[in-house]
Amino acid sequence: MPDRVFTELQRDALQEIANLGMGQAATRLSGLLNAFIELSVPRVRVVAVSEAAAALREMTGIDGPVAAVRQGFRSEIKGEALVICRSGEIASLGSLVGGPYAHSEDDHLSEEELMFDVANVLTGACVSSMLDQLGRLPVFSQPGLLGEAIMLDQVFQPGLLAWDVALLVEVNFALEDHRFRAHLVMLMAEESIHVVSRAIDALLHSL
């Protein structure tokens, strides 16, 4: 399936849908970390799953080990959400966690717990918002840690995704001082791409 499966109007609409979703996610992440969050421009691409790691490496510039959490979602649109950050960066968040998410001084969060906290915030807010705008209500599977020091090729290893082609949406969130950056990557199943296309058309028609 070619990358030009969406019209320019549909692609612009999908980027705006992602923008609104990531705005909600950034607000929640800012509350979690008690810090200002900078947002990227969403990137949308239809990719062969076998080339997803290379596509993401090109988009993000990540070439070293990463920590990654995955979480499946399903409705009429189904896929996988991945939250990825460079290994070691998650440790810088320990001193920031506060607000309603605060833990006591004696309850030190491990890097794995911090990674799950960040992943839950980003995935829950962004994916839910995007699918809600497309008229779908996602059901999420339990999140799972893929690894704390793995390469992107291992994140997208054969067997992780059962599709040949996927719609890839990448957005990233960074602390104002750029000590930490998290990439939220949504991969939507091949059979969901046409559902997304029709949902965008219905949304545009309703405006």
N, C-alpha and C. Protein backbone atom coordinates (compact mmCIF):
# COMPACT_ATOMS: atom_id res chain seq x y z
N MET A 1 0.85 -1.19 0.00
CA MET A 1 0.00 0.00 0.00
C MET A 1 0.88 1.24 0.00
N PRO A 2 0.72 2.13 -0.94
CA PRO A 2 1.62 3.28 -1.05
C PRO A 2 1.38 4.28 0.06
N ASP A 3 2.41 5.09 0.33
CA ASP A 3 2.31 6.11 1.36
C ASP A 3 1.28 7.16 0.99
N ARG A 4 0.93 7.25 -0.30
CA ARG A 4 -0.03 8.26 -0.73
C ARG A 4 -1.47 7.76 -0.65
N VAL A 5 -1.73 6.82 0.26
CA VAL A 5 -3.07 6.28 0.43
C VAL A 5 -4.05 7.36 0.88
N PHE A 6 -3.56 8.41 1.59
CA PHE A 6 -4.41 9.52 2.00
C PHE A 6 -4.24 10.69 1.06
N THR A 7 -5.35 11.41 0.83
CA THR A 7 -5.24 12.65 0.09
C THR A 7 -4.55 13.69 0.98
N GLU A 8 -4.12 14.78 0.37
CA GLU A 8 -3.47 15.83 1.15
C GLU A 8 -4.42 16.38 2.21
N LEU A 9 -5.70 16.51 1.86
CA LEU A 9 -6.69 17.01 2.80
C LEU A 9 -6.87 16.04 3.96
N GLN A 10 -6.92 14.74 3.67
CA GLN A 10 -7.06 13.75 4.72
C GLN A 10 -5.83 13.73 5.63
N ARG A 11 -4.66 13.84 5.04
CA ARG A 11 -3.43 13.83 5.83
C ARG A 11 -3.38 15.06 6.75
N ASP A 12 -3.76 16.22 6.23
CA ASP A 12 -3.79 17.42 7.05
C ASP A 12 -4.78 17.25 8.20
N ALA A 13 -5.93 16.65 7.90
CA ALA A 13 -6.94 16.44 8.94
C ALA A 13 -6.42 15.47 10.00
N LEU A 14 -5.73 14.41 9.58
CA LEU A 14 -5.19 13.44 10.52
C LEU A 14 -4.13 14.07 11.41
N GLN A 15 -3.31 14.94 10.83
CA GLN A 15 -2.30 15.64 11.64
C GLN A 15 -2.96 16.56 12.66
N GLU A 16 -4.06 17.20 12.27
CA GLU A 16 -4.76 18.07 13.21
C GLU A 16 -5.42 17.25 14.32
N ILE A 17 -5.96 16.09 13.96
CA ILE A 17 -6.53 15.18 14.97
C ILE A 17 -5.44 14.76 15.96
N ALA A 18 -4.26 14.43 15.43
CA ALA A 18 -3.13 14.07 16.29
C ALA A 18 -2.71 15.25 17.16
N ASN A 19 -2.74 16.45 16.59
CA ASN A 19 -2.39 17.66 17.35
C ASN A 19 -3.28 17.82 18.57
N LEU A 20 -4.57 17.65 18.38
CA LEU A 20 -5.51 17.81 19.48
C LEU A 20 -5.28 16.72 20.54
N GLY A 21 -5.01 15.50 20.07
CA GLY A 21 -4.75 14.41 21.00
C GLY A 21 -3.49 14.64 21.80
N MET A 22 -2.44 15.07 21.14
CA MET A 22 -1.18 15.26 21.85
C MET A 22 -1.25 16.46 22.77
N GLY A 23 -2.11 17.43 22.46
CA GLY A 23 -2.30 18.55 23.37
C GLY A 23 -2.86 18.09 24.70
N GLN A 24 -3.84 17.19 24.64
CA GLN A 24 -4.40 16.64 25.87
C GLN A 24 -3.35 15.82 26.62
N ALA A 25 -2.58 15.04 25.86
CA ALA A 25 -1.54 14.23 26.49
C ALA A 25 -0.48 15.10 27.15
N ALA A 26 -0.10 16.20 26.48
CA ALA A 26 0.92 17.09 27.04
C ALA A 26 0.44 17.74 28.32
N THR A 27 -0.84 18.09 28.38
CA THR A 27 -1.39 18.68 29.60
C THR A 27 -1.29 17.70 30.76
N ARG A 28 -1.61 16.46 30.51
CA ARG A 28 -1.53 15.45 31.57
C ARG A 28 -0.08 15.16 31.95
N LEU A 29 0.81 15.13 30.96
CA LEU A 29 2.22 14.88 31.27
C LEU A 29 2.81 16.05 32.05
N SER A 30 2.40 17.26 31.73
CA SER A 30 2.86 18.42 32.46
C SER A 30 2.42 18.34 33.92
N GLY A 31 1.20 17.83 34.14
CA GLY A 31 0.73 17.66 35.51
C GLY A 31 1.50 16.58 36.25
N LEU A 32 1.83 15.52 35.55
CA LEU A 32 2.59 14.43 36.15
C LEU A 32 3.98 14.89 36.57
N LEU A 33 4.64 15.65 35.70
CA LEU A 33 6.03 16.03 35.91
C LEU A 33 6.20 17.42 36.51
N ASN A 34 5.09 18.17 36.59
CA ASN A 34 5.16 19.54 37.10
C ASN A 34 6.20 20.34 36.31
N ALA A 35 6.14 20.22 34.99
CA ALA A 35 7.12 20.87 34.12
C ALA A 35 6.45 21.22 32.80
N PHE A 36 7.00 22.23 32.12
CA PHE A 36 6.48 22.63 30.82
C PHE A 36 6.90 21.61 29.76
N ILE A 37 5.95 21.25 28.90
CA ILE A 37 6.20 20.23 27.87
C ILE A 37 6.16 20.88 26.49
N GLU A 38 7.18 20.64 25.70
CA GLU A 38 7.21 21.09 24.31
C GLU A 38 6.73 19.97 23.40
N LEU A 39 5.99 20.34 22.35
CA LEU A 39 5.40 19.37 21.44
C LEU A 39 6.01 19.48 20.05
N SER A 40 6.08 18.34 19.38
CA SER A 40 6.52 18.34 17.99
C SER A 40 5.31 18.46 17.06
N VAL A 41 5.58 18.60 15.79
CA VAL A 41 4.53 18.48 14.77
C VAL A 41 4.31 17.00 14.51
N PRO A 42 3.07 16.52 14.54
CA PRO A 42 2.83 15.09 14.29
C PRO A 42 3.30 14.69 12.89
N ARG A 43 3.83 13.49 12.79
CA ARG A 43 4.26 12.97 11.50
C ARG A 43 3.45 11.72 11.18
N VAL A 44 2.96 11.67 9.95
CA VAL A 44 2.08 10.60 9.51
C VAL A 44 2.69 9.92 8.30
N ARG A 45 2.74 8.60 8.34
CA ARG A 45 3.32 7.88 7.21
C ARG A 45 2.73 6.47 7.15
N VAL A 46 2.47 5.97 5.96
CA VAL A 46 2.09 4.57 5.77
C VAL A 46 3.37 3.80 5.44
N VAL A 47 3.69 2.78 6.24
CA VAL A 47 4.96 2.09 6.10
C VAL A 47 4.76 0.58 6.05
N ALA A 48 5.69 -0.11 5.42
CA ALA A 48 5.78 -1.56 5.57
C ALA A 48 6.30 -1.81 6.98
N VAL A 49 5.66 -2.73 7.71
CA VAL A 49 6.06 -2.97 9.09
C VAL A 49 7.53 -3.38 9.16
N SER A 50 8.00 -4.09 8.14
CA SER A 50 9.40 -4.51 8.11
C SER A 50 10.36 -3.32 8.03
N GLU A 51 9.84 -2.16 7.62
CA GLU A 51 10.67 -0.96 7.49
C GLU A 51 10.34 0.08 8.56
N ALA A 52 9.51 -0.29 9.55
CA ALA A 52 9.06 0.67 10.55
C ALA A 52 10.22 1.19 11.39
N ALA A 53 11.14 0.31 11.77
CA ALA A 53 12.28 0.74 12.59
C ALA A 53 13.13 1.76 11.85
N ALA A 54 13.39 1.49 10.57
CA ALA A 54 14.19 2.43 9.77
C ALA A 54 13.46 3.75 9.60
N ALA A 55 12.14 3.70 9.39
CA ALA A 55 11.36 4.93 9.24
C ALA A 55 11.39 5.75 10.51
N LEU A 56 11.27 5.08 11.66
CA LEU A 56 11.28 5.80 12.92
C LEU A 56 12.67 6.36 13.23
N ARG A 57 13.70 5.61 12.87
CA ARG A 57 15.07 6.08 13.08
C ARG A 57 15.30 7.37 12.27
N GLU A 58 14.77 7.37 11.04
CA GLU A 58 14.90 8.56 10.18
C GLU A 58 14.13 9.73 10.77
N MET A 59 12.92 9.47 11.30
CA MET A 59 12.09 10.55 11.85
C MET A 59 12.69 11.16 13.10
N THR A 60 13.21 10.31 13.98
CA THR A 60 13.58 10.74 15.33
C THR A 60 15.07 10.99 15.52
N GLY A 61 15.90 10.41 14.65
CA GLY A 61 17.34 10.52 14.84
C GLY A 61 17.87 9.60 15.92
N ILE A 62 17.03 8.73 16.46
CA ILE A 62 17.47 7.79 17.50
C ILE A 62 18.26 6.67 16.85
N ASP A 63 19.48 6.46 17.32
CA ASP A 63 20.32 5.40 16.76
C ASP A 63 20.94 4.54 17.85
N GLY A 64 20.58 4.82 19.11
CA GLY A 64 21.15 4.07 20.23
C GLY A 64 20.07 3.30 20.96
N PRO A 65 20.40 2.78 22.14
CA PRO A 65 19.43 1.98 22.90
C PRO A 65 18.28 2.82 23.43
N VAL A 66 17.12 2.20 23.54
CA VAL A 66 15.91 2.88 24.00
C VAL A 66 15.20 2.05 25.06
N ALA A 67 14.36 2.71 25.81
CA ALA A 67 13.38 2.05 26.67
C ALA A 67 12.04 2.17 25.95
N ALA A 68 11.26 1.09 25.96
CA ALA A 68 10.01 1.10 25.19
C ALA A 68 8.91 0.33 25.90
N VAL A 69 7.72 0.91 25.89
CA VAL A 69 6.51 0.27 26.42
C VAL A 69 5.51 0.17 25.28
N ARG A 70 4.85 -0.96 25.18
CA ARG A 70 3.83 -1.13 24.14
C ARG A 70 2.48 -1.38 24.79
N GLN A 71 1.42 -0.96 24.09
CA GLN A 71 0.06 -1.20 24.56
C GLN A 71 -0.86 -1.30 23.35
N GLY A 72 -1.56 -2.38 23.23
CA GLY A 72 -2.49 -2.56 22.13
C GLY A 72 -3.80 -1.83 22.39
N PHE A 73 -4.46 -1.44 21.32
CA PHE A 73 -5.80 -0.86 21.41
C PHE A 73 -6.64 -1.42 20.28
N ARG A 74 -7.93 -1.51 20.52
CA ARG A 74 -8.80 -2.06 19.48
C ARG A 74 -10.17 -1.40 19.55
N SER A 75 -10.76 -1.28 18.40
CA SER A 75 -12.14 -0.88 18.18
C SER A 75 -12.33 -1.28 16.73
N GLU A 76 -13.09 -0.53 15.97
CA GLU A 76 -13.08 -0.78 14.52
C GLU A 76 -11.72 -0.41 13.95
N ILE A 77 -11.02 0.47 14.67
CA ILE A 77 -9.63 0.81 14.36
C ILE A 77 -8.76 0.16 15.43
N LYS A 78 -7.82 -0.67 15.01
CA LYS A 78 -6.98 -1.35 16.01
C LYS A 78 -5.51 -1.12 15.68
N GLY A 79 -4.69 -1.27 16.72
CA GLY A 79 -3.27 -1.07 16.50
C GLY A 79 -2.48 -1.22 17.78
N GLU A 80 -1.28 -0.67 17.74
CA GLU A 80 -0.36 -0.71 18.87
C GLU A 80 0.14 0.71 19.13
N ALA A 81 0.22 1.07 20.39
CA ALA A 81 0.85 2.33 20.79
C ALA A 81 2.16 2.00 21.47
N LEU A 82 3.22 2.67 21.06
CA LEU A 82 4.55 2.48 21.63
C LEU A 82 5.04 3.81 22.18
N VAL A 83 5.53 3.79 23.41
CA VAL A 83 6.17 4.97 23.98
C VAL A 83 7.65 4.64 24.11
N ILE A 84 8.48 5.46 23.46
CA ILE A 84 9.91 5.18 23.33
C ILE A 84 10.71 6.39 23.79
N CYS A 85 11.74 6.14 24.57
CA CYS A 85 12.68 7.21 24.92
C CYS A 85 14.09 6.63 24.97
N ARG A 86 15.06 7.48 24.83
CA ARG A 86 16.45 7.03 24.88
C ARG A 86 16.77 6.45 26.26
N SER A 87 17.47 5.37 26.29
CA SER A 87 17.83 4.74 27.56
C SER A 87 18.58 5.72 28.44
N GLY A 88 18.25 5.72 29.71
CA GLY A 88 18.92 6.60 30.66
C GLY A 88 18.21 7.91 30.90
N GLU A 89 17.41 8.38 29.92
CA GLU A 89 16.75 9.67 30.09
C GLU A 89 15.64 9.62 31.13
N ILE A 90 15.01 8.46 31.26
CA ILE A 90 13.88 8.34 32.18
C ILE A 90 14.30 8.63 33.62
N ALA A 91 15.58 8.36 33.96
CA ALA A 91 16.04 8.57 35.34
C ALA A 91 15.98 10.04 35.74
N SER A 92 16.04 10.95 34.76
CA SER A 92 16.03 12.38 35.06
C SER A 92 14.66 12.86 35.52
N LEU A 93 13.63 12.01 35.40
CA LEU A 93 12.28 12.43 35.75
C LEU A 93 11.95 12.22 37.22
N GLY A 94 12.76 11.42 37.91
CA GLY A 94 12.43 11.06 39.28
C GLY A 94 12.17 12.24 40.19
N SER A 95 12.95 13.30 40.04
CA SER A 95 12.82 14.46 40.91
C SER A 95 11.67 15.37 40.52
N LEU A 96 11.05 15.10 39.36
CA LEU A 96 10.01 15.99 38.85
C LEU A 96 8.61 15.54 39.20
N VAL A 97 8.43 14.23 39.41
CA VAL A 97 7.08 13.70 39.59
C VAL A 97 6.43 14.36 40.79
N GLY A 98 5.27 14.96 40.57
CA GLY A 98 4.61 15.68 41.66
C GLY A 98 3.14 15.83 41.40
N GLY A 99 2.55 16.84 42.00
CA GLY A 99 1.12 17.09 41.83
C GLY A 99 0.30 15.92 42.33
N PRO A 100 -0.80 15.62 41.67
CA PRO A 100 -1.67 14.53 42.14
C PRO A 100 -1.02 13.17 42.01
N TYR A 101 0.09 13.09 41.29
CA TYR A 101 0.78 11.82 41.10
C TYR A 101 1.91 11.61 42.11
N ALA A 102 2.07 12.56 43.03
CA ALA A 102 3.24 12.54 43.91
C ALA A 102 3.29 11.30 44.78
N HIS A 103 4.49 10.79 44.98
CA HIS A 103 4.74 9.70 45.90
C HIS A 103 5.50 10.27 47.10
N SER A 104 5.45 9.58 48.21
CA SER A 104 6.18 10.05 49.37
C SER A 104 7.67 9.90 49.14
N GLU A 105 8.45 10.59 49.97
CA GLU A 105 9.89 10.53 49.81
C GLU A 105 10.42 9.12 50.01
N ASP A 106 9.67 8.34 50.82
CA ASP A 106 10.12 6.97 51.10
C ASP A 106 9.69 6.00 50.00
N ASP A 107 8.87 6.49 49.07
CA ASP A 107 8.33 5.63 48.02
C ASP A 107 9.01 5.99 46.70
N HIS A 108 10.26 5.62 46.56
CA HIS A 108 11.04 5.99 45.38
C HIS A 108 10.57 5.21 44.16
N LEU A 109 10.28 5.94 43.09
CA LEU A 109 9.83 5.30 41.86
C LEU A 109 11.01 4.71 41.11
N SER A 110 10.88 3.48 40.66
CA SER A 110 11.91 2.88 39.82
C SER A 110 11.79 3.45 38.41
N GLU A 111 12.84 3.28 37.60
CA GLU A 111 12.78 3.76 36.22
C GLU A 111 11.66 3.06 35.46
N GLU A 112 11.45 1.77 35.76
CA GLU A 112 10.37 1.05 35.08
C GLU A 112 9.01 1.64 35.44
N GLU A 113 8.80 1.97 36.71
CA GLU A 113 7.53 2.57 37.12
C GLU A 113 7.34 3.94 36.48
N LEU A 114 8.41 4.72 36.41
CA LEU A 114 8.33 6.02 35.76
C LEU A 114 7.97 5.87 34.28
N MET A 115 8.58 4.89 33.63
CA MET A 115 8.31 4.66 32.21
C MET A 115 6.84 4.28 32.00
N PHE A 116 6.31 3.43 32.88
CA PHE A 116 4.90 3.06 32.77
C PHE A 116 4.00 4.26 33.04
N ASP A 117 4.35 5.09 34.02
CA ASP A 117 3.55 6.29 34.30
C ASP A 117 3.47 7.20 33.08
N VAL A 118 4.64 7.47 32.48
CA VAL A 118 4.68 8.32 31.29
C VAL A 118 3.89 7.69 30.14
N ALA A 119 4.09 6.38 29.91
CA ALA A 119 3.41 5.69 28.82
C ALA A 119 1.90 5.70 29.02
N ASN A 120 1.45 5.46 30.25
CA ASN A 120 0.01 5.46 30.52
C ASN A 120 -0.61 6.82 30.23
N VAL A 121 0.08 7.89 30.63
CA VAL A 121 -0.43 9.24 30.41
C VAL A 121 -0.52 9.54 28.91
N LEU A 122 0.56 9.29 28.19
CA LEU A 122 0.59 9.63 26.76
C LEU A 122 -0.37 8.78 25.95
N THR A 123 -0.33 7.47 26.17
CA THR A 123 -1.18 6.57 25.38
C THR A 123 -2.64 6.81 25.69
N GLY A 124 -2.98 6.86 26.97
CA GLY A 124 -4.38 7.01 27.35
C GLY A 124 -4.98 8.29 26.80
N ALA A 125 -4.27 9.41 26.94
CA ALA A 125 -4.83 10.69 26.51
C ALA A 125 -4.83 10.84 25.00
N CYS A 126 -3.70 10.56 24.36
CA CYS A 126 -3.56 10.84 22.94
C CYS A 126 -4.37 9.87 22.08
N VAL A 127 -4.22 8.58 22.33
CA VAL A 127 -4.94 7.58 21.53
C VAL A 127 -6.44 7.72 21.72
N SER A 128 -6.87 7.88 22.97
CA SER A 128 -8.31 8.02 23.23
C SER A 128 -8.88 9.25 22.53
N SER A 129 -8.15 10.36 22.59
CA SER A 129 -8.63 11.59 21.95
C SER A 129 -8.72 11.43 20.44
N MET A 130 -7.69 10.84 19.84
CA MET A 130 -7.69 10.69 18.39
C MET A 130 -8.83 9.79 17.93
N LEU A 131 -9.01 8.66 18.60
CA LEU A 131 -10.07 7.75 18.17
C LEU A 131 -11.45 8.31 18.48
N ASP A 132 -11.56 9.09 19.55
CA ASP A 132 -12.84 9.74 19.85
C ASP A 132 -13.22 10.70 18.72
N GLN A 133 -12.25 11.45 18.23
CA GLN A 133 -12.52 12.38 17.12
C GLN A 133 -12.94 11.63 15.86
N LEU A 134 -12.47 10.38 15.73
CA LEU A 134 -12.83 9.55 14.58
C LEU A 134 -14.08 8.72 14.85
N GLY A 135 -14.74 8.98 15.98
CA GLY A 135 -16.00 8.31 16.29
C GLY A 135 -15.85 6.90 16.80
N ARG A 136 -14.70 6.58 17.39
CA ARG A 136 -14.46 5.23 17.90
C ARG A 136 -14.03 5.30 19.36
N LEU A 137 -14.36 4.26 20.11
CA LEU A 137 -13.99 4.16 21.52
C LEU A 137 -13.04 2.99 21.68
N PRO A 138 -11.76 3.25 21.98
CA PRO A 138 -10.79 2.15 22.05
C PRO A 138 -10.87 1.37 23.36
N VAL A 139 -10.55 0.10 23.26
CA VAL A 139 -10.33 -0.75 24.43
C VAL A 139 -8.85 -1.07 24.45
N PHE A 140 -8.20 -0.86 25.60
CA PHE A 140 -6.76 -1.04 25.69
C PHE A 140 -6.40 -2.37 26.34
N SER A 141 -5.33 -2.98 25.84
CA SER A 141 -4.78 -4.16 26.50
C SER A 141 -3.83 -3.70 27.60
N GLN A 142 -3.35 -4.63 28.41
CA GLN A 142 -2.39 -4.30 29.44
C GLN A 142 -1.07 -3.84 28.80
N PRO A 143 -0.47 -2.77 29.30
CA PRO A 143 0.82 -2.35 28.75
C PRO A 143 1.92 -3.33 29.12
N GLY A 144 2.94 -3.39 28.30
CA GLY A 144 4.06 -4.28 28.55
C GLY A 144 5.38 -3.59 28.25
N LEU A 145 6.38 -3.84 29.07
CA LEU A 145 7.70 -3.26 28.86
C LEU A 145 8.46 -4.13 27.86
N LEU A 146 8.83 -3.55 26.73
CA LEU A 146 9.61 -4.28 25.74
C LEU A 146 11.07 -4.38 26.13
N GLY A 147 11.56 -3.38 26.86
CA GLY A 147 12.96 -3.40 27.31
C GLY A 147 13.39 -2.02 27.74
N GLU A 148 14.46 -1.96 28.52
CA GLU A 148 14.99 -0.68 29.00
C GLU A 148 16.28 -0.28 28.29
N ALA A 149 16.83 -1.17 27.50
CA ALA A 149 18.06 -0.85 26.75
C ALA A 149 18.11 -1.72 25.50
N ILE A 150 17.17 -1.47 24.58
CA ILE A 150 17.07 -2.25 23.35
C ILE A 150 17.16 -1.31 22.15
N MET A 151 17.43 -1.88 20.99
CA MET A 151 17.53 -1.09 19.78
C MET A 151 16.16 -1.03 19.10
N LEU A 152 15.98 -0.04 18.22
CA LEU A 152 14.70 0.10 17.53
C LEU A 152 14.34 -1.14 16.74
N ASP A 153 15.33 -1.82 16.18
CA ASP A 153 15.05 -3.05 15.43
C ASP A 153 14.41 -4.10 16.32
N GLN A 154 14.75 -4.10 17.62
CA GLN A 154 14.15 -5.05 18.55
C GLN A 154 12.74 -4.63 18.94
N VAL A 155 12.48 -3.33 18.93
CA VAL A 155 11.13 -2.84 19.23
C VAL A 155 10.16 -3.34 18.16
N PHE A 156 10.63 -3.37 16.91
CA PHE A 156 9.78 -3.78 15.80
C PHE A 156 10.19 -5.16 15.27
N GLN A 157 10.59 -6.03 16.16
CA GLN A 157 11.05 -7.35 15.74
C GLN A 157 9.92 -8.15 15.10
N PRO A 158 10.26 -9.06 14.19
CA PRO A 158 9.24 -9.89 13.55
C PRO A 158 8.41 -10.63 14.59
N GLY A 159 7.11 -10.63 14.37
CA GLY A 159 6.21 -11.30 15.29
C GLY A 159 5.53 -10.35 16.26
N LEU A 160 6.12 -9.17 16.47
CA LEU A 160 5.49 -8.20 17.36
C LEU A 160 4.19 -7.68 16.75
N LEU A 161 4.23 -7.43 15.44
CA LEU A 161 3.06 -6.96 14.73
C LEU A 161 2.71 -7.95 13.63
N ALA A 162 1.43 -8.27 13.54
CA ALA A 162 1.00 -9.31 12.61
C ALA A 162 0.58 -8.75 11.26
N TRP A 163 0.98 -7.53 10.95
CA TRP A 163 0.56 -6.89 9.71
C TRP A 163 1.75 -6.66 8.80
N ASP A 164 1.48 -6.51 7.53
CA ASP A 164 2.54 -6.20 6.57
C ASP A 164 2.72 -4.69 6.42
N VAL A 165 1.62 -3.96 6.54
CA VAL A 165 1.62 -2.51 6.34
C VAL A 165 0.89 -1.87 7.51
N ALA A 166 1.32 -0.69 7.91
CA ALA A 166 0.67 0.00 9.02
C ALA A 166 0.68 1.50 8.78
N LEU A 167 -0.30 2.17 9.36
CA LEU A 167 -0.31 3.63 9.42
C LEU A 167 0.48 4.03 10.65
N LEU A 168 1.55 4.78 10.46
CA LEU A 168 2.42 5.20 11.56
C LEU A 168 2.19 6.68 11.83
N VAL A 169 1.85 6.98 13.08
CA VAL A 169 1.73 8.37 13.53
C VAL A 169 2.73 8.56 14.66
N GLU A 170 3.63 9.53 14.52
CA GLU A 170 4.66 9.77 15.54
C GLU A 170 4.54 11.20 16.05
N VAL A 171 4.49 11.32 17.37
CA VAL A 171 4.52 12.63 18.02
C VAL A 171 5.53 12.54 19.16
N ASN A 172 6.13 13.65 19.52
CA ASN A 172 7.06 13.57 20.64
C ASN A 172 6.89 14.75 21.58
N PHE A 173 7.24 14.46 22.83
CA PHE A 173 7.03 15.36 23.94
C PHE A 173 8.37 15.55 24.64
N ALA A 174 8.77 16.78 24.90
CA ALA A 174 10.07 17.03 25.52
C ALA A 174 9.94 18.01 26.67
N LEU A 175 10.77 17.80 27.69
CA LEU A 175 10.89 18.81 28.73
C LEU A 175 11.48 20.07 28.12
N GLU A 176 11.16 21.20 28.72
CA GLU A 176 11.62 22.48 28.17
C GLU A 176 13.14 22.53 28.04
N ASP A 177 13.86 21.89 28.98
CA ASP A 177 15.32 21.90 28.91
C ASP A 177 15.87 20.71 28.12
N HIS A 178 14.96 19.89 27.55
CA HIS A 178 15.31 18.77 26.67
C HIS A 178 16.15 17.69 27.36
N ARG A 179 16.03 17.59 28.70
CA ARG A 179 16.69 16.48 29.38
C ARG A 179 16.01 15.16 29.06
N PHE A 180 14.74 15.26 28.67
CA PHE A 180 13.95 14.05 28.41
C PHE A 180 13.04 14.29 27.23
N ARG A 181 12.96 13.29 26.35
CA ARG A 181 12.04 13.34 25.23
C ARG A 181 11.40 11.97 25.08
N ALA A 182 10.08 11.94 24.99
CA ALA A 182 9.35 10.69 24.78
C ALA A 182 8.66 10.74 23.42
N HIS A 183 8.76 9.65 22.69
CA HIS A 183 8.11 9.52 21.39
C HIS A 183 6.92 8.59 21.51
N LEU A 184 5.75 9.08 21.17
CA LEU A 184 4.56 8.22 21.11
C LEU A 184 4.37 7.82 19.65
N VAL A 185 4.40 6.53 19.40
CA VAL A 185 4.26 6.00 18.05
C VAL A 185 2.99 5.15 18.01
N MET A 186 2.06 5.54 17.17
CA MET A 186 0.86 4.73 16.94
C MET A 186 1.01 4.00 15.62
N LEU A 187 0.81 2.71 15.66
CA LEU A 187 0.81 1.89 14.45
C LEU A 187 -0.57 1.28 14.31
N MET A 188 -1.28 1.66 13.26
CA MET A 188 -2.63 1.16 13.05
C MET A 188 -2.62 0.09 11.97
N ALA A 189 -3.34 -0.99 12.23
CA ALA A 189 -3.31 -2.17 11.39
C ALA A 189 -3.74 -1.87 9.95
N GLU A 190 -3.22 -2.68 9.05
CA GLU A 190 -3.46 -2.47 7.62
C GLU A 190 -4.95 -2.36 7.30
N GLU A 191 -5.75 -3.25 7.90
CA GLU A 191 -7.19 -3.22 7.59
C GLU A 191 -7.88 -2.02 8.22
N SER A 192 -7.21 -1.33 9.15
CA SER A 192 -7.80 -0.16 9.79
C SER A 192 -7.57 1.11 8.99
N ILE A 193 -6.63 1.08 8.04
CA ILE A 193 -6.29 2.30 7.31
C ILE A 193 -7.48 2.84 6.53
N HIS A 194 -8.23 1.95 5.88
CA HIS A 194 -9.40 2.41 5.13
C HIS A 194 -10.50 2.89 6.07
N VAL A 195 -10.59 2.28 7.27
CA VAL A 195 -11.56 2.75 8.27
C VAL A 195 -11.21 4.16 8.70
N VAL A 196 -9.93 4.42 8.93
CA VAL A 196 -9.47 5.76 9.28
C VAL A 196 -9.79 6.75 8.17
N SER A 197 -9.55 6.36 6.93
CA SER A 197 -9.83 7.22 5.79
C SER A 197 -11.30 7.60 5.72
N ARG A 198 -12.18 6.60 5.90
CA ARG A 198 -13.62 6.87 5.86
C ARG A 198 -14.05 7.74 7.04
N ALA A 199 -13.46 7.49 8.21
CA ALA A 199 -13.80 8.27 9.40
C ALA A 199 -13.39 9.73 9.23
N ILE A 200 -12.23 9.96 8.61
CA ILE A 200 -11.79 11.33 8.35
C ILE A 200 -12.75 12.02 7.38
N ASP A 201 -13.16 11.31 6.34
CA ASP A 201 -14.10 11.89 5.38
C ASP A 201 -15.42 12.26 6.05
N ALA A 202 -15.90 11.38 6.96
CA ALA A 202 -17.15 11.66 7.67
C ALA A 202 -16.99 12.87 8.57
N LEU A 203 -15.83 12.99 9.22
CA LEU A 203 -15.56 14.14 10.09
C LEU A 203 -15.51 15.43 9.28
N LEU A 204 -14.82 15.40 8.15
CA LEU A 204 -14.71 16.59 7.30
C LEU A 204 -16.09 16.99 6.76
N HIS A 205 -16.91 16.00 6.42
CA HIS A 205 -18.24 16.26 5.87
C HIS A 205 -19.15 16.92 6.90
N SER A 206 -18.89 16.60 8.19
CA SER A 206 -19.75 17.13 9.27
C SER A 206 -19.40 18.56 9.66
N LEU A 207 -18.25 19.05 9.19
CA LEU A 207 -17.82 20.40 9.58
C LEU A 207 -18.58 21.49 8.83
